[in-house]
Amino acid sequence: MPSDTPPSLQLRSLIRSNGELELSLVRVPVPVPAENEVVVRIEATPINPSDIGLLFGAADMGTAAYAASADGPVVTARVPERGMKSMQGRLNQSMPVGNEGAGTVVAAGTSPAAQALLGKTVAALGGAMYAHHRCVPVEQCLLLPDGASAADGASSFVNPLTALGMVETMRREGHKALVHTAAASNLGQMLNRICQNDGIGLVNIVRSGEQEDLLRKNGAQYVCNTSADNFVEALTDALEATGATIAFDAIGGGRLAGQILSAMETAANRNAKEYSRYGSTTFKQVYIYGGLDTRPTEIVRDFGMTWSLGGWLLFPFLQKIGSARTAELKKRVAAELRTTFASRYTKVVSLQEVLQKEAIAAYGKRSTGEKYLINPWKT
């Protein structure tokens, strides 16, 4: 890029040792790509729950104060004393935010692979995407299909690969059907489409009638509403019908993970030939992969001894399956970008608007089905 190119803006999150969070936009030089790197003009980047976790940290956003600078709003908030322990690893570090994004390659290194992407629209993974420009290695890019926009490809990695990773985990661990919570989310809708396409039984758990209607209109057969009086009974019936013995829980806190394990046990025992004081021999697995509910996870052990509760994260999973299999999953995402893996956004905001009070109040709720998209060049 020309040497006189003006610096670009990047959104940063800083937690100081005195317990203060500061969110601001900082000016950074436009990066110069190495041999096998490209510079992407970021034109669309989503606000995922994992991004909000880095953006806010453990701060209480109810204490947020708003000021202005030459480059945009500056937000400060207090981190409660109980939250500072988990923030120790990032104190006094100004951290860029944004896991994934998409845009046009405006500069490229000298390698043939990098040069081949020059002028193309790509999706990219690697953090620091809430910015005007991002320099990434070629292998962290996904060339978008002809006609696909940056907005089409903005969410090409985290949600699609997470949904595919859930199905891959199910198969590798010997299960035949699965359960998903917060199932009306963009990710949940992708998973629903994957399971329909691949003939996999899926039990969707939602929290409202509106979300239930949305999934049923999209062809979901088993949708269980936690706000319904018959939730546990409906969940047990769906588990028996599908044979689902693995669940992926985005909620994390509260009783839901334990309720799923209990319902799996009840479903397994409906056809049991004899009683065992150790419970059924059917192995039941719940993976927590999110924290939409920040309360402690409550488990009432009424589901025997053949079960497991653990955590699941996308990037360790991708490392586990290796680059070859990961490439196959990415290839499927590209091929089905505007069908199976299409995302819907509630609102498009600029970098400055991300730090406005109204926007923070909206996307900070992490409401299922309400997703914000950032266009750093929006005026």
Protein backbone atom coordinates (compact mmCIF):
# COMPACT_ATOMS: atom_id res chain seq x y z
CA MET A 1 0.00 0.00 0.00
CA PRO A 2 1.20 3.59 -0.52
CA SER A 3 3.52 4.86 2.21
CA ASP A 4 1.30 7.92 2.75
CA THR A 5 -1.76 5.82 3.60
CA PRO A 6 -3.37 7.35 6.70
CA PRO A 7 -3.53 5.22 9.87
CA SER A 8 -6.63 3.17 10.49
CA LEU A 9 -8.79 2.83 13.58
CA GLN A 10 -8.89 -0.25 15.78
CA LEU A 11 -11.21 -0.96 18.70
CA ARG A 12 -9.37 -1.79 21.93
CA SER A 13 -10.37 -3.13 25.35
CA LEU A 14 -8.18 -2.32 28.35
CA ILE A 15 -8.63 -3.41 31.97
CA ARG A 16 -6.38 -1.56 34.36
CA SER A 17 -5.06 -2.97 37.61
CA ASN A 18 -7.28 -0.50 39.49
CA GLY A 19 -10.35 -2.35 38.18
CA GLU A 20 -11.36 0.05 35.41
CA LEU A 21 -12.38 -1.11 31.94
CA GLU A 22 -11.74 1.29 29.07
CA LEU A 23 -13.09 0.82 25.55
CA SER A 24 -11.79 3.15 22.86
CA LEU A 25 -10.71 3.52 19.25
CA VAL A 26 -6.99 3.92 18.65
CA ARG A 27 -5.04 4.89 15.54
CA VAL A 28 -2.68 2.20 14.27
CA PRO A 29 -0.50 2.04 11.15
CA VAL A 30 -1.87 0.15 8.19
CA PRO A 31 0.07 -3.14 8.33
CA VAL A 32 2.58 -4.22 5.69
CA PRO A 33 2.13 -7.87 4.68
CA ALA A 34 4.94 -10.42 4.93
CA GLU A 35 5.56 -12.88 2.11
CA ASN A 36 2.58 -15.15 2.83
CA GLU A 37 0.21 -12.55 4.30
CA VAL A 38 -2.53 -10.29 2.99
CA VAL A 39 -4.02 -7.03 4.22
CA VAL A 40 -7.82 -7.14 4.33
CA ARG A 41 -9.93 -3.99 4.28
CA ILE A 42 -12.48 -5.15 6.86
CA GLU A 43 -15.98 -4.38 5.61
CA ALA A 44 -18.07 -6.63 7.85
CA THR A 45 -17.36 -8.25 11.22
CA PRO A 46 -19.93 -9.75 13.62
CA ILE A 47 -20.34 -9.26 17.36
CA ASN A 48 -20.32 -12.81 18.72
CA PRO A 49 -20.80 -13.72 22.40
CA SER A 50 -17.11 -14.67 22.52
CA ASP A 51 -16.25 -11.17 21.28
CA ILE A 52 -18.38 -9.60 23.99
CA GLY A 53 -16.49 -11.68 26.55
CA LEU A 54 -13.21 -10.05 25.52
CA LEU A 55 -14.75 -6.63 24.92
CA PHE A 56 -16.32 -6.24 28.38
CA GLY A 57 -14.30 -8.76 30.38
CA ALA A 58 -15.78 -9.06 33.86
CA ALA A 59 -16.89 -5.42 33.96
CA ASP A 60 -20.30 -4.42 35.25
CA MET A 61 -21.63 -2.49 32.25
CA GLY A 62 -24.34 -1.07 34.46
CA THR A 63 -21.61 1.25 35.79
CA ALA A 64 -20.56 2.39 32.31
CA ALA A 65 -19.73 6.04 31.72
CA TYR A 66 -19.46 7.62 28.27
CA ALA A 67 -17.12 10.34 27.06
CA ALA A 68 -15.84 11.52 23.68
CA SER A 69 -12.48 11.74 21.95
CA ALA A 70 -11.37 12.91 18.52
CA ASP A 71 -11.74 9.34 17.20
CA GLY A 72 -15.04 8.42 18.81
CA PRO A 73 -16.66 7.47 22.13
CA VAL A 74 -14.63 6.31 25.13
CA VAL A 75 -16.44 3.96 27.52
CA THR A 76 -15.31 3.21 31.06
CA ALA A 77 -16.84 0.78 33.57
CA ARG A 78 -15.92 -0.86 36.84
CA VAL A 79 -14.84 -4.48 37.24
CA PRO A 80 -16.21 -5.83 40.54
CA GLU A 81 -13.58 -7.07 42.96
CA ARG A 82 -14.88 -10.63 42.61
CA GLY A 83 -14.23 -10.45 38.85
CA MET A 84 -10.65 -9.19 39.01
CA LYS A 85 -9.17 -12.63 39.70
CA SER A 86 -10.22 -13.96 36.31
CA MET A 87 -8.84 -10.81 34.61
CA GLN A 88 -5.28 -11.08 35.94
CA GLY A 89 -3.88 -12.39 32.67
CA ARG A 90 -4.94 -9.30 30.71
CA LEU A 91 -4.43 -6.43 33.14
CA ASN A 92 -2.94 -3.22 31.68
CA GLN A 93 -2.90 -4.69 28.17
CA SER A 94 -4.72 -2.81 25.42
CA MET A 95 -6.35 -5.71 23.59
CA PRO A 96 -7.81 -5.64 20.05
CA VAL A 97 -11.22 -7.27 19.66
CA GLY A 98 -13.08 -9.22 16.98
CA ASN A 99 -12.57 -12.89 16.14
CA GLU A 100 -13.61 -12.90 12.49
CA GLY A 101 -14.54 -10.66 9.61
CA ALA A 102 -14.56 -10.24 5.85
CA GLY A 103 -13.55 -7.72 3.25
CA THR A 104 -11.37 -6.95 0.25
CA VAL A 105 -7.69 -7.86 0.02
CA VAL A 106 -5.95 -4.53 -0.66
CA ALA A 107 -2.31 -5.61 -0.27
CA ALA A 108 -0.52 -8.94 -0.53
CA GLY A 109 2.86 -10.46 0.13
CA THR A 110 5.06 -11.83 -2.61
CA SER A 111 4.05 -15.49 -2.39
CA PRO A 112 1.85 -16.86 -5.21
CA ALA A 113 -0.88 -17.77 -2.71
CA ALA A 114 -0.97 -14.22 -1.34
CA GLN A 115 -0.88 -12.59 -4.77
CA ALA A 116 -3.75 -14.79 -5.93
CA LEU A 117 -6.02 -13.16 -3.31
CA LEU A 118 -5.24 -9.54 -4.24
CA GLY A 119 -8.48 -7.70 -4.98
CA LYS A 120 -10.60 -10.68 -3.90
CA THR A 121 -13.28 -10.76 -1.19
CA VAL A 122 -12.26 -13.06 1.64
CA ALA A 123 -13.35 -14.02 5.11
CA ALA A 124 -10.61 -14.02 7.73
CA LEU A 125 -10.02 -15.41 11.20
CA GLY A 126 -7.40 -14.33 13.69
CA GLY A 127 -8.66 -11.67 16.10
CA ALA A 128 -8.37 -7.86 15.97
CA MET A 129 -11.07 -7.63 13.30
CA TYR A 130 -12.84 -4.58 14.76
CA ALA A 131 -10.61 -2.33 12.66
CA HIS A 132 -10.32 -0.73 9.26
CA HIS A 133 -7.55 -3.14 8.20
CA ARG A 134 -6.22 -6.50 9.33
CA CYS A 135 -3.12 -8.37 8.19
CA VAL A 136 -3.49 -12.17 8.29
CA PRO A 137 -1.67 -15.23 6.95
CA VAL A 138 -3.12 -16.68 3.75
CA GLU A 139 -4.11 -19.91 5.52
CA GLN A 140 -6.43 -17.91 7.81
CA CYS A 141 -8.42 -16.65 4.83
CA LEU A 142 -11.40 -18.16 3.07
CA LEU A 143 -11.97 -17.04 -0.53
CA LEU A 144 -15.66 -16.22 -0.85
CA PRO A 145 -17.68 -17.51 -3.81
CA ASP A 146 -18.30 -15.22 -6.77
CA GLY A 147 -21.04 -12.74 -5.96
CA ALA A 148 -20.78 -13.15 -2.19
CA SER A 149 -20.46 -9.91 -0.25
CA ALA A 150 -18.37 -9.21 2.83
CA ALA A 151 -21.58 -9.29 4.89
CA ASP A 152 -22.34 -12.75 3.47
CA GLY A 153 -18.93 -13.99 4.60
CA ALA A 154 -18.49 -12.07 7.86
CA SER A 155 -19.58 -15.02 10.01
CA SER A 156 -17.88 -17.75 7.96
CA PHE A 157 -15.77 -19.19 10.75
CA VAL A 158 -16.99 -19.13 14.35
CA ASN A 159 -20.63 -20.15 13.98
CA PRO A 160 -20.36 -22.43 10.91
CA LEU A 161 -17.29 -24.29 12.18
CA THR A 162 -18.80 -24.53 15.67
CA ALA A 163 -21.99 -26.07 14.26
CA LEU A 164 -20.04 -28.46 12.06
CA GLY A 165 -17.72 -29.20 14.99
CA MET A 166 -20.66 -30.26 17.13
CA VAL A 167 -21.79 -32.74 14.50
CA GLU A 168 -18.21 -33.96 14.02
CA THR A 169 -17.80 -34.42 17.80
CA MET A 170 -21.10 -36.33 17.95
CA ARG A 171 -19.91 -38.74 15.30
CA ARG A 172 -16.38 -39.17 16.64
CA GLU A 173 -17.66 -39.93 20.14
CA GLY A 174 -20.18 -42.53 19.01
CA HIS A 175 -23.49 -40.70 19.44
CA LYS A 176 -26.26 -40.67 16.83
CA ALA A 177 -28.22 -37.51 17.63
CA LEU A 178 -27.66 -34.34 19.63
CA VAL A 179 -29.22 -31.60 21.75
CA HIS A 180 -28.56 -27.87 21.39
CA THR A 181 -29.59 -25.01 23.68
CA ALA A 182 -30.17 -21.37 22.68
CA ALA A 183 -31.24 -23.08 19.48
CA ALA A 184 -32.88 -20.07 17.82
CA SER A 185 -29.55 -18.26 17.55
CA ASN A 186 -27.77 -17.83 14.22
CA LEU A 187 -25.58 -20.78 15.18
CA GLY A 188 -28.61 -22.82 16.20
CA GLN A 189 -30.37 -22.17 12.93
CA MET A 190 -27.24 -23.27 11.04
CA LEU A 191 -27.08 -26.46 13.11
CA ASN A 192 -30.74 -27.12 12.39
CA ARG A 193 -30.10 -26.84 8.65
CA ILE A 194 -27.01 -29.08 8.85
CA CYS A 195 -28.91 -31.78 10.72
CA GLN A 196 -31.82 -31.65 8.28
CA ASN A 197 -29.44 -31.90 5.31
CA ASP A 198 -27.43 -34.74 6.88
CA GLY A 199 -30.37 -36.70 8.34
CA ILE A 200 -29.31 -36.24 11.98
CA GLY A 201 -31.74 -36.13 14.90
CA LEU A 202 -31.63 -32.77 16.69
CA VAL A 203 -33.40 -31.66 19.85
CA ASN A 204 -33.63 -27.86 19.94
CA ILE A 205 -34.06 -26.12 23.30
CA VAL A 206 -35.38 -22.53 23.32
CA ARG A 207 -36.86 -20.22 25.92
CA SER A 208 -39.90 -18.64 24.22
CA GLY A 209 -42.84 -19.45 22.02
CA GLU A 210 -41.56 -17.00 19.40
CA GLN A 211 -38.28 -18.88 19.14
CA GLU A 212 -40.13 -22.18 19.00
CA ASP A 213 -42.27 -20.92 16.10
CA LEU A 214 -39.18 -19.68 14.25
CA LEU A 215 -37.49 -23.07 14.35
CA ARG A 216 -40.61 -25.01 13.46
CA LYS A 217 -41.14 -22.75 10.44
CA ASN A 218 -37.58 -23.68 9.45
CA GLY A 219 -38.41 -27.38 9.56
CA ALA A 220 -37.24 -28.32 13.07
CA GLN A 221 -39.09 -31.41 14.30
CA TYR A 222 -38.14 -31.39 17.98
CA VAL A 223 -38.30 -28.02 19.75
CA CYS A 224 -38.57 -27.84 23.54
CA ASN A 225 -39.45 -24.57 25.27
CA THR A 226 -38.00 -24.08 28.77
CA SER A 227 -40.81 -21.65 29.63
CA ALA A 228 -43.49 -24.29 28.98
CA ASP A 229 -45.03 -26.18 31.90
CA ASN A 230 -44.34 -29.52 30.19
CA PHE A 231 -40.71 -28.72 29.24
CA VAL A 232 -39.09 -31.69 31.01
CA GLU A 233 -41.70 -34.14 29.69
CA ALA A 234 -41.38 -32.78 26.14
CA LEU A 235 -37.59 -32.92 26.35
CA THR A 236 -37.65 -36.52 27.56
CA ASP A 237 -40.01 -37.53 24.75
CA ALA A 238 -37.75 -35.87 22.16
CA LEU A 239 -34.67 -37.58 23.59
CA GLU A 240 -36.38 -40.95 23.46
CA ALA A 241 -37.52 -40.37 19.88
CA THR A 242 -34.13 -39.23 18.59
CA GLY A 243 -31.83 -41.27 20.83
CA ALA A 244 -29.79 -38.11 21.50
CA THR A 245 -27.16 -38.69 24.19
CA ILE A 246 -24.87 -35.69 23.63
CA ALA A 247 -25.74 -32.03 24.21
CA PHE A 248 -24.06 -28.69 23.55
CA ASP A 249 -25.13 -26.03 26.02
CA ALA A 250 -24.64 -22.32 25.30
CA ILE A 251 -26.37 -21.29 28.55
CA GLY A 252 -23.85 -22.65 31.04
CA GLY A 253 -25.33 -21.39 34.31
CA GLY A 254 -28.42 -22.52 36.18
CA ARG A 255 -30.14 -25.91 36.06
CA LEU A 256 -30.43 -26.62 32.34
CA ALA A 257 -27.34 -28.82 31.87
CA GLY A 258 -28.44 -31.01 34.78
CA GLN A 259 -32.01 -31.16 33.47
CA ILE A 260 -30.73 -32.43 30.14
CA LEU A 261 -28.69 -35.19 31.80
CA SER A 262 -31.69 -36.15 33.94
CA ALA A 263 -33.98 -36.30 30.93
CA MET A 264 -31.45 -38.41 29.03
CA GLU A 265 -31.40 -40.86 31.92
CA THR A 266 -35.19 -41.01 32.08
CA ALA A 267 -35.39 -41.59 28.33
CA ALA A 268 -32.81 -44.38 28.55
CA ASN A 269 -34.66 -46.08 31.39
CA ARG A 270 -38.02 -46.13 29.63
CA ASN A 271 -36.96 -49.27 27.78
CA ALA A 272 -34.76 -50.74 30.52
CA LYS A 273 -35.23 -54.46 31.14
CA GLU A 274 -34.10 -54.40 34.78
CA TYR A 275 -33.33 -51.94 37.58
CA SER A 276 -29.79 -50.87 38.43
CA ARG A 277 -28.93 -48.76 41.44
CA TYR A 278 -26.10 -47.24 39.38
CA GLY A 279 -28.48 -46.02 36.70
CA SER A 280 -28.56 -46.85 33.03
CA THR A 281 -25.47 -47.97 31.13
CA THR A 282 -26.21 -45.39 28.42
CA PHE A 283 -23.40 -42.82 28.36
CA LYS A 284 -24.66 -39.25 28.52
CA GLN A 285 -22.50 -36.23 27.63
CA VAL A 286 -23.18 -32.52 28.05
CA TYR A 287 -20.64 -30.00 26.75
CA ILE A 288 -20.88 -26.39 27.93
CA TYR A 289 -19.57 -24.10 25.22
CA GLY A 290 -21.02 -20.74 26.28
CA GLY A 291 -22.02 -18.64 29.27
CA LEU A 292 -25.23 -16.82 28.42
CA ASP A 293 -26.26 -17.43 32.03
CA THR A 294 -23.42 -16.33 34.32
CA ARG A 295 -24.80 -18.03 37.43
CA PRO A 296 -23.16 -21.19 38.81
CA THR A 297 -24.03 -24.43 37.04
CA GLU A 298 -26.43 -26.45 39.21
CA ILE A 299 -26.33 -30.24 38.96
CA VAL A 300 -28.73 -32.56 40.80
CA ARG A 301 -27.26 -36.04 40.41
CA ASP A 302 -30.31 -38.13 39.64
CA PHE A 303 -28.97 -39.61 36.39
CA GLY A 304 -26.84 -42.54 37.49
CA MET A 305 -23.07 -42.83 37.07
CA THR A 306 -22.60 -43.08 33.30
CA TRP A 307 -22.31 -39.44 32.34
CA SER A 308 -19.91 -36.58 31.79
CA LEU A 309 -20.06 -32.79 31.93
CA GLY A 310 -17.27 -30.83 30.30
CA GLY A 311 -16.31 -27.78 28.27
CA TRP A 312 -16.04 -27.51 24.49
CA LEU A 313 -14.21 -24.83 22.52
CA LEU A 314 -13.88 -24.48 18.77
CA PHE A 315 -10.17 -23.81 18.39
CA PRO A 316 -8.89 -26.71 20.53
CA PHE A 317 -11.32 -28.91 18.61
CA LEU A 318 -9.91 -27.78 15.25
CA GLN A 319 -6.39 -28.46 16.48
CA LYS A 320 -7.52 -31.93 17.52
CA ILE A 321 -8.99 -32.88 14.14
CA GLY A 322 -6.02 -31.45 12.20
CA SER A 323 -5.56 -29.12 9.25
CA ALA A 324 -6.77 -31.56 6.58
CA ARG A 325 -10.17 -32.17 8.18
CA THR A 326 -10.49 -28.49 9.08
CA ALA A 327 -9.92 -27.61 5.43
CA GLU A 328 -12.73 -29.99 4.44
CA LEU A 329 -15.12 -28.29 6.87
CA LYS A 330 -14.13 -24.83 5.57
CA LYS A 331 -14.72 -26.02 2.00
CA ARG A 332 -18.28 -27.01 2.93
CA VAL A 333 -18.85 -23.60 4.53
CA ALA A 334 -17.76 -21.84 1.32
CA ALA A 335 -19.97 -24.06 -0.83
CA GLU A 336 -23.08 -23.46 1.35
CA LEU A 337 -22.33 -19.90 2.44
CA ARG A 338 -25.66 -18.38 1.41
CA THR A 339 -27.82 -21.40 2.26
CA THR A 340 -26.89 -23.63 5.21
CA PHE A 341 -24.52 -21.08 6.74
CA ALA A 342 -26.37 -17.85 6.03
CA SER A 343 -26.49 -15.39 8.94
CA ARG A 344 -29.11 -12.80 9.80
CA TYR A 345 -28.22 -9.53 11.53
CA THR A 346 -30.42 -7.21 13.55
CA LYS A 347 -28.44 -4.05 12.83
CA VAL A 348 -25.29 -2.82 11.10
CA VAL A 349 -23.19 -0.34 13.09
CA SER A 350 -19.95 1.59 12.62
CA LEU A 351 -16.89 1.30 14.86
CA GLN A 352 -18.00 4.47 16.64
CA GLU A 353 -21.55 3.21 17.07
CA VAL A 354 -20.30 0.01 18.74
CA LEU A 355 -19.32 2.18 21.72
CA GLN A 356 -22.56 4.13 21.99
CA LYS A 357 -24.77 3.56 25.00
CA GLU A 358 -27.81 2.37 23.04
CA ALA A 359 -25.81 -0.18 21.05
CA ILE A 360 -24.04 -1.58 24.11
CA ALA A 361 -27.38 -1.97 25.87
CA ALA A 362 -28.73 -3.90 22.87
CA TYR A 363 -25.95 -6.30 21.89
CA GLY A 364 -24.70 -6.58 25.48
CA LYS A 365 -27.87 -8.49 26.37
CA ARG A 366 -26.63 -11.36 24.14
CA SER A 367 -30.24 -12.06 23.21
CA THR A 368 -30.80 -15.15 21.09
CA GLY A 369 -31.43 -14.25 17.47
CA GLU A 370 -30.34 -10.60 17.84
CA LYS A 371 -26.91 -10.22 16.26
CA TYR A 372 -25.05 -7.02 15.40
CA LEU A 373 -22.72 -6.59 12.42
CA ILE A 374 -19.97 -3.96 12.31
CA ASN A 375 -19.05 -2.19 9.10
CA PRO A 376 -15.89 -0.25 10.09
CA TRP A 377 -16.32 2.06 7.07
CA LYS A 378 -19.95 2.97 7.80
CA THR A 379 -20.29 6.72 8.27
